[in-house]
C-alpha atoms as a PDB file:
ATOM      1  CA  MET A   1       0.167   0.025   0.030  1.00  0.00           C
ATOM      2  CA  THR A   2       1.125   3.607  -0.567  1.00  0.00           C
ATOM      3  CA  ALA A   3       0.356   6.950   1.107  1.00  0.00           C
ATOM      4  CA  SER A   4      -2.285   7.479  -1.515  1.00  0.00           C
ATOM      5  CA  ASP A   5      -3.992   4.272  -0.520  1.00  0.00           C
ATOM      6  CA  PRO A   6      -7.038   4.996   1.718  1.00  0.00           C
ATOM      7  CA  ALA A   7      -6.395   1.665   3.504  1.00  0.00           C
ATOM      8  CA  ASP A   8      -3.108   3.131   4.750  1.00  0.00           C
ATOM      9  CA  TRP A   9      -4.255   6.602   6.039  1.00  0.00           C
ATOM     10  CA  PRO A  10      -3.924   7.423   9.724  1.00  0.00           C
ATOM     11  CA  LEU A  11      -6.526   5.914  11.892  1.00  0.00           C
ATOM     12  CA  ILE A  12      -9.015   7.854  14.084  1.00  0.00           C
ATOM     13  CA  PRO A  13      -9.038   5.729  17.073  1.00  0.00           C
ATOM     14  CA  ARG A  14     -12.284   4.642  18.955  1.00  0.00           C
ATOM     15  CA  GLY A  15     -12.596   3.140  22.348  1.00  0.00           C
ATOM     16  CA  SER A  16     -10.217   3.434  25.374  1.00  0.00           C
ATOM     17  CA  SER A  17      -7.311   1.639  26.760  1.00  0.00           C
ATOM     18  CA  PHE A  18      -6.624   0.096  30.249  1.00  0.00           C
ATOM     19  CA  GLU A  19      -4.441   3.081  31.095  1.00  0.00           C
ATOM     20  CA  ASP A  20      -7.373   5.452  30.713  1.00  0.00           C
ATOM     21  CA  HIS A  21      -9.428   3.705  33.501  1.00  0.00           C
ATOM     22  CA  THR A  22      -8.116   5.191  36.684  1.00  0.00           C
ATOM     23  CA  VAL A  23     -10.154   4.519  39.736  1.00  0.00           C
ATOM     24  CA  GLY A  24     -12.795   7.284  40.340  1.00  0.00           C
ATOM     25  CA  ARG A  25     -12.927   8.432  36.873  1.00  0.00           C
ATOM     26  CA  VAL A  26     -16.455   9.134  35.647  1.00  0.00           C
ATOM     27  CA  PHE A  27     -17.438   8.725  31.900  1.00  0.00           C
ATOM     28  CA  ASP A  28     -20.728  10.637  30.962  1.00  0.00           C
ATOM     29  CA  HIS A  29     -21.561   8.529  27.861  1.00  0.00           C
ATOM     30  CA  HIS A  30     -22.683  11.008  25.037  1.00  0.00           C
ATOM     31  CA  TRP A  31     -25.344   8.830  23.197  1.00  0.00           C
ATOM     32  CA  GLY A  32     -28.937   8.677  24.376  1.00  0.00           C
ATOM     33  CA  ARG A  33     -31.354   6.018  23.142  1.00  0.00           C
ATOM     34  CA  THR A  34     -35.159   6.295  22.671  1.00  0.00           C
ATOM     35  CA  VAL A  35     -36.695   2.837  23.171  1.00  0.00           C
ATOM     36  CA  HIS A  36     -39.709   2.319  20.716  1.00  0.00           C
ATOM     37  CA  ALA A  37     -42.381  -0.344  21.068  1.00  0.00           C
ATOM     38  CA  SER A  38     -40.935  -2.135  18.108  1.00  0.00           C
ATOM     39  CA  ASP A  39     -37.663  -2.672  19.907  1.00  0.00           C
ATOM     40  CA  ASN A  40     -39.487  -4.085  22.883  1.00  0.00           C
ATOM     41  CA  VAL A  41     -41.493  -6.411  20.909  1.00  0.00           C
ATOM     42  CA  PHE A  42     -38.714  -7.579  18.661  1.00  0.00           C
ATOM     43  CA  PHE A  43     -36.300  -8.153  21.692  1.00  0.00           C
ATOM     44  CA  THR A  44     -38.874  -9.792  23.767  1.00  0.00           C
ATOM     45  CA  THR A  45     -39.930 -12.355  21.086  1.00  0.00           C
ATOM     46  CA  GLN A  46     -36.540 -13.080  20.012  1.00  0.00           C
ATOM     47  CA  MET A  47     -35.445 -13.843  23.399  1.00  0.00           C
ATOM     48  CA  LEU A  48     -38.657 -16.163  23.886  1.00  0.00           C
ATOM     49  CA  ALA A  49     -39.428 -13.967  26.976  1.00  0.00           C
ATOM     50  CA  PHE A  50     -43.142 -14.412  26.566  1.00  0.00           C
ATOM     51  CA  ASN A  51     -44.382 -12.303  29.347  1.00  0.00           C
ATOM     52  CA  PRO A  52     -47.482 -10.466  28.053  1.00  0.00           C
ATOM     53  CA  LEU A  53     -46.653  -7.350  30.010  1.00  0.00           C
ATOM     54  CA  HIS A  54     -43.941  -6.756  27.207  1.00  0.00           C
ATOM     55  CA  PHE A  55     -46.126  -6.931  24.302  1.00  0.00           C
ATOM     56  CA  ASN A  56     -49.971  -6.974  25.394  1.00  0.00           C
ATOM     57  CA  ARG A  57     -50.923  -3.409  26.004  1.00  0.00           C
ATOM     58  CA  GLU A  58     -54.479  -4.228  27.186  1.00  0.00           C
ATOM     59  CA  LEU A  59     -53.066  -6.667  29.858  1.00  0.00           C
ATOM     60  CA  ALA A  60     -50.410  -4.201  30.868  1.00  0.00           C
ATOM     61  CA  THR A  61     -52.743  -1.327  31.458  1.00  0.00           C
ATOM     62  CA  ALA A  62     -55.183  -3.714  33.280  1.00  0.00           C
ATOM     63  CA  ALA A  63     -52.249  -4.440  35.600  1.00  0.00           C
ATOM     64  CA  GLY A  64     -51.972  -0.729  36.378  1.00  0.00           C
ATOM     65  CA  HIS A  65     -49.273   0.272  33.743  1.00  0.00           C
ATOM     66  CA  PRO A  66     -49.630   3.194  31.364  1.00  0.00           C
ATOM     67  CA  ASP A  67     -48.419   1.108  28.565  1.00  0.00           C
ATOM     68  CA  GLU A  68     -46.584  -2.138  27.759  1.00  0.00           C
ATOM     69  CA  VAL A  69     -43.548  -2.564  30.071  1.00  0.00           C
ATOM     70  CA  VAL A  70     -40.156  -2.460  28.303  1.00  0.00           C
ATOM     71  CA  ASN A  71     -38.392  -5.830  28.873  1.00  0.00           C
ATOM     72  CA  PRO A  72     -35.979  -4.863  31.699  1.00  0.00           C
ATOM     73  CA  LEU A  73     -33.041  -6.942  29.933  1.00  0.00           C
ATOM     74  CA  LEU A  74     -33.543  -4.853  26.927  1.00  0.00           C
ATOM     75  CA  VAL A  75     -33.138  -1.663  29.285  1.00  0.00           C
ATOM     76  CA  PHE A  76     -30.037  -3.301  30.720  1.00  0.00           C
ATOM     77  CA  ALA A  77     -28.633  -4.143  27.156  1.00  0.00           C
ATOM     78  CA  ILE A  78     -29.249  -0.493  25.876  1.00  0.00           C
ATOM     79  CA  VAL A  79     -27.604   1.093  28.902  1.00  0.00           C
ATOM     80  CA  PHE A  80     -24.661  -1.295  28.594  1.00  0.00           C
ATOM     81  CA  GLY A  81     -24.495  -0.511  24.867  1.00  0.00           C
ATOM     82  CA  LEU A  82     -24.348   3.228  25.485  1.00  0.00           C
ATOM     83  CA  SER A  83     -21.268   2.739  27.687  1.00  0.00           C
ATOM     84  CA  VAL A  84     -19.314   0.462  25.260  1.00  0.00           C
ATOM     85  CA  GLU A  85     -17.787   3.106  23.148  1.00  0.00           C
ATOM     86  CA  ASP A  86     -16.040   4.735  26.212  1.00  0.00           C
ATOM     87  CA  LEU A  87     -15.223   1.758  28.132  1.00  0.00           C
ATOM     88  CA  SER A  88     -14.549  -1.466  26.156  1.00  0.00           C
ATOM     89  CA  GLU A  89     -14.941  -0.815  22.517  1.00  0.00           C
ATOM     90  CA  GLY A  90     -11.201  -1.040  22.268  1.00  0.00           C
ATOM     91  CA  GLY A  91     -11.064  -4.735  22.825  1.00  0.00           C
ATOM     92  CA  GLY A  92     -11.482  -7.299  25.622  1.00  0.00           C
ATOM     93  CA  PRO A  93     -14.299  -9.669  26.542  1.00  0.00           C
ATOM     94  CA  PHE A  94     -17.187  -8.988  29.057  1.00  0.00           C
ATOM     95  CA  LEU A  95     -16.338 -11.006  32.095  1.00  0.00           C
ATOM     96  CA  GLY A  96     -19.494 -10.471  34.066  1.00  0.00           C
ATOM     97  CA  ALA A  97     -21.831  -8.186  35.989  1.00  0.00           C
ATOM     98  CA  SER A  98     -23.222  -7.922  39.463  1.00  0.00           C
ATOM     99  CA  ASP A  99     -25.650  -5.767  41.743  1.00  0.00           C
ATOM    100  CA  LEU A 100     -27.978  -5.273  38.753  1.00  0.00           C
ATOM    101  CA  ARG A 101     -30.914  -3.388  40.026  1.00  0.00           C
ATOM    102  CA  TYR A 102     -34.176  -2.053  38.146  1.00  0.00           C
ATOM    103  CA  LEU A 103     -35.127   1.085  39.720  1.00  0.00           C
ATOM    104  CA  ARG A 104     -38.357   1.682  38.023  1.00  0.00           C
ATOM    105  CA  GLU A 105     -40.271   0.320  34.752  1.00  0.00           C
ATOM    106  CA  ILE A 106     -39.506   1.917  31.368  1.00  0.00           C
ATOM    107  CA  TYR A 107     -42.116   2.387  28.837  1.00  0.00           C
ATOM    108  CA  PRO A 108     -42.060   2.901  24.956  1.00  0.00           C
ATOM    109  CA  GLY A 109     -41.065   6.298  24.034  1.00  0.00           C
ATOM    110  CA  GLU A 110     -38.716   6.923  26.908  1.00  0.00           C
ATOM    111  CA  THR A 111     -35.067   7.979  26.260  1.00  0.00           C
ATOM    112  CA  LEU A 112     -32.308   6.442  28.203  1.00  0.00           C
ATOM    113  CA  TYR A 113     -28.738   7.952  29.075  1.00  0.00           C
ATOM    114  CA  ALA A 114     -25.891   6.360  30.890  1.00  0.00           C
ATOM    115  CA  SER A 115     -22.823   7.291  32.960  1.00  0.00           C
ATOM    116  CA  SER A 116     -19.974   5.027  34.517  1.00  0.00           C
ATOM    117  CA  THR A 117     -17.541   5.291  37.281  1.00  0.00           C
ATOM    118  CA  VAL A 118     -14.297   3.162  37.410  1.00  0.00           C
ATOM    119  CA  VAL A 119     -14.445   1.359  40.770  1.00  0.00           C
ATOM    120  CA  GLU A 120     -11.491  -1.170  40.257  1.00  0.00           C
ATOM    121  CA  ALA A 121      -8.598  -1.529  37.834  1.00  0.00           C
ATOM    122  CA  ARG A 122      -5.873  -4.023  38.102  1.00  0.00           C
ATOM    123  CA  GLU A 123      -3.399  -5.773  35.821  1.00  0.00           C
ATOM    124  CA  SER A 124      -4.321  -9.145  34.242  1.00  0.00           C
ATOM    125  CA  GLY A 125      -2.348 -12.033  35.737  1.00  0.00           C
ATOM    126  CA  SER A 126      -2.442 -13.956  32.588  1.00  0.00           C
ATOM    127  CA  ARG A 127      -2.640 -11.494  29.821  1.00  0.00           C
ATOM    128  CA  PRO A 128       0.339  -8.796  29.970  1.00  0.00           C
ATOM    129  CA  ASP A 129      -1.310  -6.853  27.115  1.00  0.00           C
ATOM    130  CA  ALA A 130      -4.550  -6.169  29.258  1.00  0.00           C
ATOM    131  CA  GLY A 131      -6.004  -5.268  32.409  1.00  0.00           C
ATOM    132  CA  ILE A 132      -9.313  -6.096  34.360  1.00  0.00           C
ATOM    133  CA  VAL A 133     -11.572  -3.205  34.907  1.00  0.00           C
ATOM    134  CA  THR A 134     -14.872  -2.917  36.893  1.00  0.00           C
ATOM    135  CA  TRP A 135     -17.276   0.059  36.448  1.00  0.00           C
ATOM    136  CA  HIS A 136     -20.487   1.221  38.211  1.00  0.00           C
ATOM    137  CA  THR A 137     -22.930   2.088  35.304  1.00  0.00           C
ATOM    138  CA  VAL A 138     -26.201   4.058  35.961  1.00  0.00           C
ATOM    139  CA  GLY A 139     -28.887   4.372  33.394  1.00  0.00           C
ATOM    140  CA  ARG A 140     -31.106   7.437  33.663  1.00  0.00           C
ATOM    141  CA  GLY A 141     -34.228   8.739  32.129  1.00  0.00           C
ATOM    142  CA  SER A 142     -34.844  12.069  30.533  1.00  0.00           C
ATOM    143  CA  ASP A 143     -35.371  13.579  34.053  1.00  0.00           C
ATOM    144  CA  GLY A 144     -31.892  12.596  35.098  1.00  0.00           C
ATOM    145  CA  LYS A 145     -33.218  10.090  37.646  1.00  0.00           C
ATOM    146  CA  PRO A 146     -31.613   6.668  37.874  1.00  0.00           C
ATOM    147  CA  VAL A 147     -33.689   3.870  36.338  1.00  0.00           C
ATOM    148  CA  ILE A 148     -31.083   0.902  36.374  1.00  0.00           C
ATOM    149  CA  GLU A 149     -27.663   0.413  37.836  1.00  0.00           C
ATOM    150  CA  PHE A 150     -25.064  -2.377  37.772  1.00  0.00           C
ATOM    151  CA  ARG A 151     -21.428  -3.260  38.219  1.00  0.00           C
ATOM    152  CA  ARG A 152     -19.761  -4.949  35.169  1.00  0.00           C
ATOM    153  CA  THR A 153     -16.123  -6.053  34.518  1.00  0.00           C
ATOM    154  CA  ASN A 154     -14.209  -6.433  31.386  1.00  0.00           C
ATOM    155  CA  LEU A 155     -10.686  -7.261  30.196  1.00  0.00           C
ATOM    156  CA  VAL A 156      -9.510  -4.104  28.559  1.00  0.00           C
ATOM    157  CA  ALA A 157      -6.655  -3.997  26.043  1.00  0.00           C
ATOM    158  CA  LYS A 158      -3.458  -1.793  26.936  1.00  0.00           C
ATOM    159  CA  ARG A 159      -2.629   0.919  24.710  1.00  0.00           C
ATOM    160  CA  VAL A 160      -1.079   0.103  21.401  1.00  0.00           C
ATOM    161  CA  THR A 161       2.021   2.018  20.319  1.00  0.00           C
ATOM    162  CA  GLY A 162       3.555   2.693  17.055  1.00  0.00           C
ATOM    163  CA  ARG A 163       0.417   3.129  15.004  1.00  0.00           C
ATOM    164  CA  GLU A 164      -0.089   6.452  13.064  1.00  0.00           C
ATOM    165  CA  LEU A 165      -3.226   7.935  14.589  1.00  0.00           C
ATOM    166  CA  ALA A 166      -5.306  10.972  13.508  1.00  0.00           C
ATOM    167  CA  PRO A 167      -6.868  13.372  16.146  1.00  0.00           C
ATOM    168  CA  VAL A 168     -10.464  12.452  17.263  1.00  0.00           C
ATOM    169  CA  PRO A 169     -12.726  15.114  15.925  1.00  0.00           C
ATOM    170  CA  ASP A 170     -15.663  16.548  17.705  1.00  0.00           C
ATOM    171  CA  GLY A 171     -17.328  17.133  14.307  1.00  0.00           C
ATOM    172  CA  PHE A 172     -17.145  20.953  14.465  1.00  0.00           C
ATOM    173  CA  ALA A 173     -16.327  22.651  10.960  1.00  0.00           C
ATOM    174  CA  GLU A 174     -12.968  23.711  12.739  1.00  0.00           C
ATOM    175  CA  ASP A 175     -11.868  20.188  13.117  1.00  0.00           C
ATOM    176  CA  PHE A 176     -11.517  19.609   9.205  1.00  0.00           C
ATOM    177  CA  ARG A 177      -8.861  21.003   6.843  1.00  0.00           C
ATOM    178  CA  VAL A 178      -8.844  20.569   3.182  1.00  0.00           C
ATOM    179  CA  GLY A 179      -6.479  17.670   2.353  1.00  0.00           C
ATOM    180  CA  ASP A 180      -6.890  15.878   5.586  1.00  0.00           C
ATOM    181  CA  ARG A 181      -7.085  12.129   5.223  1.00  0.00           C
ATOM    182  CA  PHE A 182      -7.999   9.432   7.662  1.00  0.00           C
ATOM    183  CA  ARG A 183      -9.275   6.042   8.364  1.00  0.00           C
ATOM    184  CA  HIS A 184     -12.369   5.079  10.491  1.00  0.00           C
ATOM    185  CA  ALA A 185     -11.923   2.590  13.181  1.00  0.00           C
ATOM    186  CA  ARG A 186     -14.961   0.383  12.967  1.00  0.00           C
ATOM    187  CA  THR A 187     -15.682  -2.289  10.411  1.00  0.00           C
ATOM    188  CA  ARG A 188     -18.836  -4.293   9.526  1.00  0.00           C
ATOM    189  CA  THR A 189     -19.104  -7.837   8.144  1.00  0.00           C
ATOM    190  CA  VAL A 190     -21.779  -8.397   5.584  1.00  0.00           C
ATOM    191  CA  THR A 191     -24.234 -11.081   6.634  1.00  0.00           C
ATOM    192  CA  ASP A 192     -27.108 -13.076   5.232  1.00  0.00           C
ATOM    193  CA  ILE A 193     -29.444 -10.720   7.069  1.00  0.00           C
ATOM    194  CA  ASP A 194     -28.072  -7.837   4.945  1.00  0.00           C
ATOM    195  CA  LEU A 195     -28.219  -9.698   1.675  1.00  0.00           C
ATOM    196  CA  ASN A 196     -31.720 -10.839   2.195  1.00  0.00           C
ATOM    197  CA  GLY A 197     -33.229  -8.746   4.992  1.00  0.00           C
ATOM    198  CA  PHE A 198     -32.031  -5.281   4.024  1.00  0.00           C
ATOM    199  CA  THR A 199     -32.669  -5.736   0.290  1.00  0.00           C
ATOM    200  CA  LEU A 200     -36.217  -6.895   0.919  1.00  0.00           C
ATOM    201  CA  LEU A 201     -36.718  -4.208   3.583  1.00  0.00           C
ATOM    202  CA  VAL A 202     -36.541  -1.516   1.037  1.00  0.00           C
ATOM    203  CA  MET A 203     -38.415  -3.487  -1.633  1.00  0.00           C
ATOM    204  CA  ASN A 204     -35.566  -4.065  -3.937  1.00  0.00           C
ATOM    205  CA  THR A 205     -36.755  -6.885  -6.224  1.00  0.00           C
ATOM    206  CA  ALA A 206     -33.247  -7.619  -7.873  1.00  0.00           C
ATOM    207  CA  THR A 207     -33.039 -11.359  -7.174  1.00  0.00           C
ATOM    208  CA  GLY A 208     -29.429 -11.359  -7.558  1.00  0.00           C
ATOM    209  CA  HIS A 209     -29.165 -10.066  -3.890  1.00  0.00           C
ATOM    210  CA  PHE A 210     -31.382 -12.698  -2.348  1.00  0.00           C
ATOM    211  CA  SER A 211     -31.542 -15.677  -4.620  1.00  0.00           C
ATOM    212  CA  GLU A 212     -28.616 -18.093  -4.825  1.00  0.00           C
ATOM    213  CA  GLN A 213     -30.281 -19.957  -7.902  1.00  0.00           C
ATOM    214  CA  GLU A 214     -30.514 -16.817  -9.731  1.00  0.00           C
ATOM    215  CA  MET A 215     -26.790 -16.194  -9.472  1.00  0.00           C
ATOM    216  CA  GLU A 216     -25.173 -19.552  -9.550  1.00  0.00           C
ATOM    217  CA  ASP A 217     -24.687 -19.536 -13.380  1.00  0.00           C
ATOM    218  CA  THR A 218     -23.449 -16.025 -13.461  1.00  0.00           C
ATOM    219  CA  PRO A 219     -19.874 -14.829 -13.501  1.00  0.00           C
ATOM    220  CA  PHE A 220     -20.444 -13.633  -9.877  1.00  0.00           C
ATOM    221  CA  GLY A 221     -21.349 -17.292  -8.991  1.00  0.00           C
ATOM    222  CA  GLU A 222     -23.194 -16.106  -5.672  1.00  0.00           C
ATOM    223  CA  ARG A 223     -25.402 -13.322  -4.448  1.00  0.00           C
ATOM    224  CA  ILE A 224     -23.821 -10.044  -4.256  1.00  0.00           C
ATOM    225  CA  ASN A 225     -24.622  -7.130  -1.827  1.00  0.00           C
ATOM    226  CA  PHE A 226     -27.124  -4.392  -2.831  1.00  0.00           C
ATOM    227  CA  GLY A 227     -25.098  -1.396  -3.680  1.00  0.00           C
ATOM    228  CA  GLY A 228     -27.308   0.777  -1.618  1.00  0.00           C
ATOM    229  CA  LEU A 229     -26.237  -1.217   1.612  1.00  0.00           C
ATOM    230  CA  THR A 230     -22.663  -0.872   0.587  1.00  0.00           C
ATOM    231  CA  LEU A 231     -23.020   2.872   0.153  1.00  0.00           C
ATOM    232  CA  ALA A 232     -24.939   3.039   3.442  1.00  0.00           C
ATOM    233  CA  LEU A 233     -22.281   1.187   5.176  1.00  0.00           C
ATOM    234  CA  THR A 234     -19.575   3.287   3.807  1.00  0.00           C
ATOM    235  CA  VAL A 235     -21.325   6.477   4.884  1.00  0.00           C
ATOM    236  CA  GLY A 236     -22.444   5.029   8.141  1.00  0.00           C
ATOM    237  CA  LEU A 237     -18.958   3.931   9.145  1.00  0.00           C
ATOM    238  CA  ALA A 238     -17.679   7.519   8.573  1.00  0.00           C
ATOM    239  CA  THR A 239     -20.479   9.396  10.066  1.00  0.00           C
ATOM    240  CA  GLN A 240     -19.454   9.637  13.637  1.00  0.00           C
ATOM    241  CA  ASP A 241     -16.121  11.105  12.734  1.00  0.00           C
ATOM    242  CA  THR A 242     -17.216  13.399  10.098  1.00  0.00           C
ATOM    243  CA  SER A 243     -20.697  14.777  11.129  1.00  0.00           C
ATOM    244  CA  GLY A 244     -20.958  14.622  14.968  1.00  0.00           C
ATOM    245  CA  GLN A 245     -22.162  18.190  14.928  1.00  0.00           C
ATOM    246  CA  LEU A 246     -24.572  17.726  11.951  1.00  0.00           C
ATOM    247  CA  VAL A 247     -27.010  20.416  10.954  1.00  0.00           C
ATOM    248  CA  ARG A 248     -28.203  18.723   7.913  1.00  0.00           C
ATOM    249  CA  GLU A 249     -27.190  16.338   5.037  1.00  0.00           C
ATOM    250  CA  GLU A 250     -26.946  18.214   1.780  1.00  0.00           C
ATOM    251  CA  GLY A 251     -26.305  15.229  -0.584  1.00  0.00           C
ATOM    252  CA  LEU A 252     -24.170  12.791  -2.321  1.00  0.00           C
ATOM    253  CA  ASP A 253     -22.359  12.969  -5.742  1.00  0.00           C
ATOM    254  CA  ASP A 254     -20.050  10.774  -7.754  1.00  0.00           C
ATOM    255  CA  ILE A 255     -21.182   7.375  -6.433  1.00  0.00           C
ATOM    256  CA  ARG A 256     -19.192   4.483  -7.732  1.00  0.00           C
ATOM    257  CA  PHE A 257     -19.084   0.841  -6.930  1.00  0.00           C
ATOM    258  CA  ALA A 258     -15.641  -0.659  -8.100  1.00  0.00           C
ATOM    259  CA  THR A 259     -15.727  -4.111  -6.655  1.00  0.00           C
ATOM    260  CA  PRO A 260     -18.734  -6.336  -5.643  1.00  0.00           C
ATOM    261  CA  VAL A 261     -19.374  -7.031  -1.986  1.00  0.00           C
ATOM    262  CA  ARG A 262     -20.212 -10.618  -1.202  1.00  0.00           C
ATOM    263  CA  HIS A 263     -21.541 -12.462   1.990  1.00  0.00           C
ATOM    264  CA  GLY A 264     -18.778 -12.687   4.495  1.00  0.00           C
ATOM    265  CA  ASP A 265     -16.989  -9.454   3.217  1.00  0.00           C
ATOM    266  CA  THR A 266     -15.887  -6.915   5.888  1.00  0.00           C
ATOM    267  CA  ILE A 267     -16.180  -3.242   4.982  1.00  0.00           C
ATOM    268  CA  GLY A 268     -14.303  -0.378   6.595  1.00  0.00           C
ATOM    269  CA  ALA A 269     -14.099   3.170   5.612  1.00  0.00           C
ATOM    270  CA  ALA A 270     -11.777   6.029   4.983  1.00  0.00           C
ATOM    271  CA  SER A 271     -12.396   9.683   4.291  1.00  0.00           C
ATOM    272  CA  GLU A 272     -10.650  12.880   2.854  1.00  0.00           C
ATOM    273  CA  VAL A 273     -11.571  16.400   3.102  1.00  0.00           C
ATOM    274  CA  LEU A 274     -12.479  18.116  -0.064  1.00  0.00           C
ATOM    275  CA  ALA A 275     -13.732  21.343   0.855  1.00  0.00           C
ATOM    276  CA  VAL A 276     -14.654  23.616   4.020  1.00  0.00           C
ATOM    277  CA  GLU A 277     -16.760  26.533   3.214  1.00  0.00           C
ATOM    278  CA  PRO A 278     -17.711  28.676   6.428  1.00  0.00           C
ATOM    279  CA  ASP A 279     -21.042  30.331   6.416  1.00  0.00           C
ATOM    280  CA  GLY A 280     -21.564  32.107   9.677  1.00  0.00           C
ATOM    281  CA  ALA A 281     -22.093  29.880  12.614  1.00  0.00           C
ATOM    282  CA  GLN A 282     -21.923  26.835  10.292  1.00  0.00           C
ATOM    283  CA  ALA A 283     -19.985  25.434   7.397  1.00  0.00           C
ATOM    284  CA  ARG A 284     -20.483  23.255   4.395  1.00  0.00           C
ATOM    285  CA  VAL A 285     -17.909  20.549   4.464  1.00  0.00           C
ATOM    286  CA  SER A 286     -17.463  18.003   1.594  1.00  0.00           C
ATOM    287  CA  PHE A 287     -15.836  14.591   2.022  1.00  0.00           C
ATOM    288  CA  ARG A 288     -14.823  11.844  -0.186  1.00  0.00           C
ATOM    289  CA  HIS A 289     -15.657   8.444   1.478  1.00  0.00           C
ATOM    290  CA  HIS A 290     -14.041   5.204   0.519  1.00  0.00           C
ATOM    291  CA  GLY A 291     -15.433   1.938   1.303  1.00  0.00           C
ATOM    292  CA  ILE A 292     -12.742  -0.764   1.695  1.00  0.00           C
ATOM    293  CA  ASN A 293     -13.046  -4.658   1.942  1.00  0.00           C
ATOM    294  CA  GLN A 294     -10.681  -6.882   4.018  1.00  0.00           C
ATOM    295  CA  ARG A 295      -8.349  -7.203   1.105  1.00  0.00           C
ATOM    296  CA  GLY A 296      -7.839  -3.495   0.905  1.00  0.00           C
ATOM    297  CA  GLU A 297      -9.796  -3.157  -2.249  1.00  0.00           C
ATOM    298  CA  ILE A 298     -12.046  -0.064  -2.806  1.00  0.00           C
ATOM    299  CA  VAL A 299     -15.670  -1.282  -3.017  1.00  0.00           C
ATOM    300  CA  CYS A 300     -17.459   2.122  -2.896  1.00  0.00           C
ATOM    301  CA  GLN A 301     -16.635   5.757  -3.344  1.00  0.00           C
ATOM    302  CA  THR A 302     -18.940   8.921  -2.872  1.00  0.00           C
ATOM    303  CA  THR A 303     -18.531  12.692  -2.363  1.00  0.00           C
ATOM    304  CA  ARG A 304     -20.771  13.603   0.574  1.00  0.00           C
ATOM    305  CA  THR A 305     -21.673  17.207   1.563  1.00  0.00           C
ATOM    306  CA  VAL A 306     -22.916  18.030   4.918  1.00  0.00           C
ATOM    307  CA  ARG A 307     -23.607  21.198   6.830  1.00  0.00           C
ATOM    308  CA  VAL A 308     -22.134  21.182  10.451  1.00  0.00           C
ATOM    309  CA  ARG A 309     -21.952  23.593  13.327  1.00  0.00           C
ATOM    310  CA  SER A 310     -18.958  25.585  14.028  1.00  0.00           C
ATOM    311  CA  ARG A 311     -17.625  26.279  17.546  1.00  0.00           C
ATOM    312  CA  VAL A 312     -18.899  29.841  17.007  1.00  0.00           C
ATOM    313  CA  ALA A 313     -22.403  28.327  17.159  1.00  0.00           C
ATOM    314  CA  LEU A 314     -21.485  26.485  20.363  1.00  0.00           C
ATOM    315  CA  ALA A 315     -20.264  29.819  21.936  1.00  0.00           C
ATOM    316  CA  ASN A 316     -23.412  31.487  20.729  1.00  0.00           C
ATOM    317  CA  GLN A 317     -25.625  28.877  22.336  1.00  0.00           C
ATOM    318  CA  ALA A 318     -23.788  29.283  25.738  1.00  0.00           C
ATOM    319  CA  GLY A 319     -24.379  33.027  25.596  1.00  0.00           C
ATOM    320  CA  ASP A 320     -28.078  33.144  24.569  1.00  0.00           C
ATOM    321  CA  GLY A 321     -29.727  30.455  26.667  1.00  0.00           C
ATOM    322  CA  SER A 322     -30.440  28.361  23.554  1.00  0.00           C
ATOM    323  CA  THR A 323     -31.389  24.597  24.480  1.00  0.00           C
ATOM    324  CA  LEU A 324     -30.082  23.395  21.133  1.00  0.00           C
ATOM    325  CA  ALA A 325     -26.957  21.541  22.852  1.00  0.00           C
ATOM    326  CA  PRO A 326     -24.402  19.975  20.432  1.00  0.00           C
ATOM    327  CA  ALA A 327     -23.466  16.418  21.023  1.00  0.00           C
ATOM    328  CA  VAL A 328     -20.992  15.851  24.003  1.00  0.00           C
ATOM    329  CA  PRO A 329     -17.438  14.812  22.903  1.00  0.00           C
ATOM    330  CA  ILE A 330     -16.414  11.465  24.309  1.00  0.00           C
ATOM    331  CA  GLU A 331     -14.022  11.919  27.255  1.00  0.00           C
ATOM    332  CA  ARG A 332     -10.622  10.437  26.397  1.00  0.00           C
END
């Protein structure tokens, strides 16, 4: 690979390292997640947790609830998930949890937030490249009051040295300069759920995406991924690093698919900054996004233009009492 190869650009790191977890440190996780009735029904039925309180509104209201009760293990899973980017995305298995308490019921339409405090951090006796960390995590509702709490323990990888890393952007216009190039940390493997499920979800009737029989005698020899999903993955993998302070998406241009994506391929992304045009408290920023498979081949390219806030907007909000708060940067 060469310096011009997107697969070789500096990496924007995600997650944290064992060294970042000093006892007493508090992480306010910046995501919030609204729980929908469809989430509750899907999770409950997939887990075979056939308690009608979770999917029968008439029974739930007859029992004194205002709506169906969200499965508490879904509440746990969401609050856990909200914490992963800060605590354990960098690598290391989930070792267990304790003292899990449900403090009140959650109902569809509520939004969950989370924070975690490091309560223990020690070297691993068997893994010199990792440590063992325990956190106390609290999930809260929109009113800021706790709804769930638990302690969980993970093996957490130690910091890797020698990699060329790019700064982690907050997503403001000032974070981007024309000519910047970087790779995004996350990748995603294309599964059968994508080839069949996503294609059919959007009513794409090209059977080459969901019928093996249709494709077995073609030069491809098997189903290939719907290009719309390849595009969505390419943009999605780049989104957090490029539009964390998004005002609006303006459009895509010059979309190209260079190499077919097949079941089992893993897609990553890299981006370069093409233009930054300030406009008062905002700016129009254009990126060239590259989707890359596990072999380093370009599978998708597109030019994407977004409008993002500048730090001027943040300063103005702080001074005028506006409630339009920007996303909270991850504490590193």
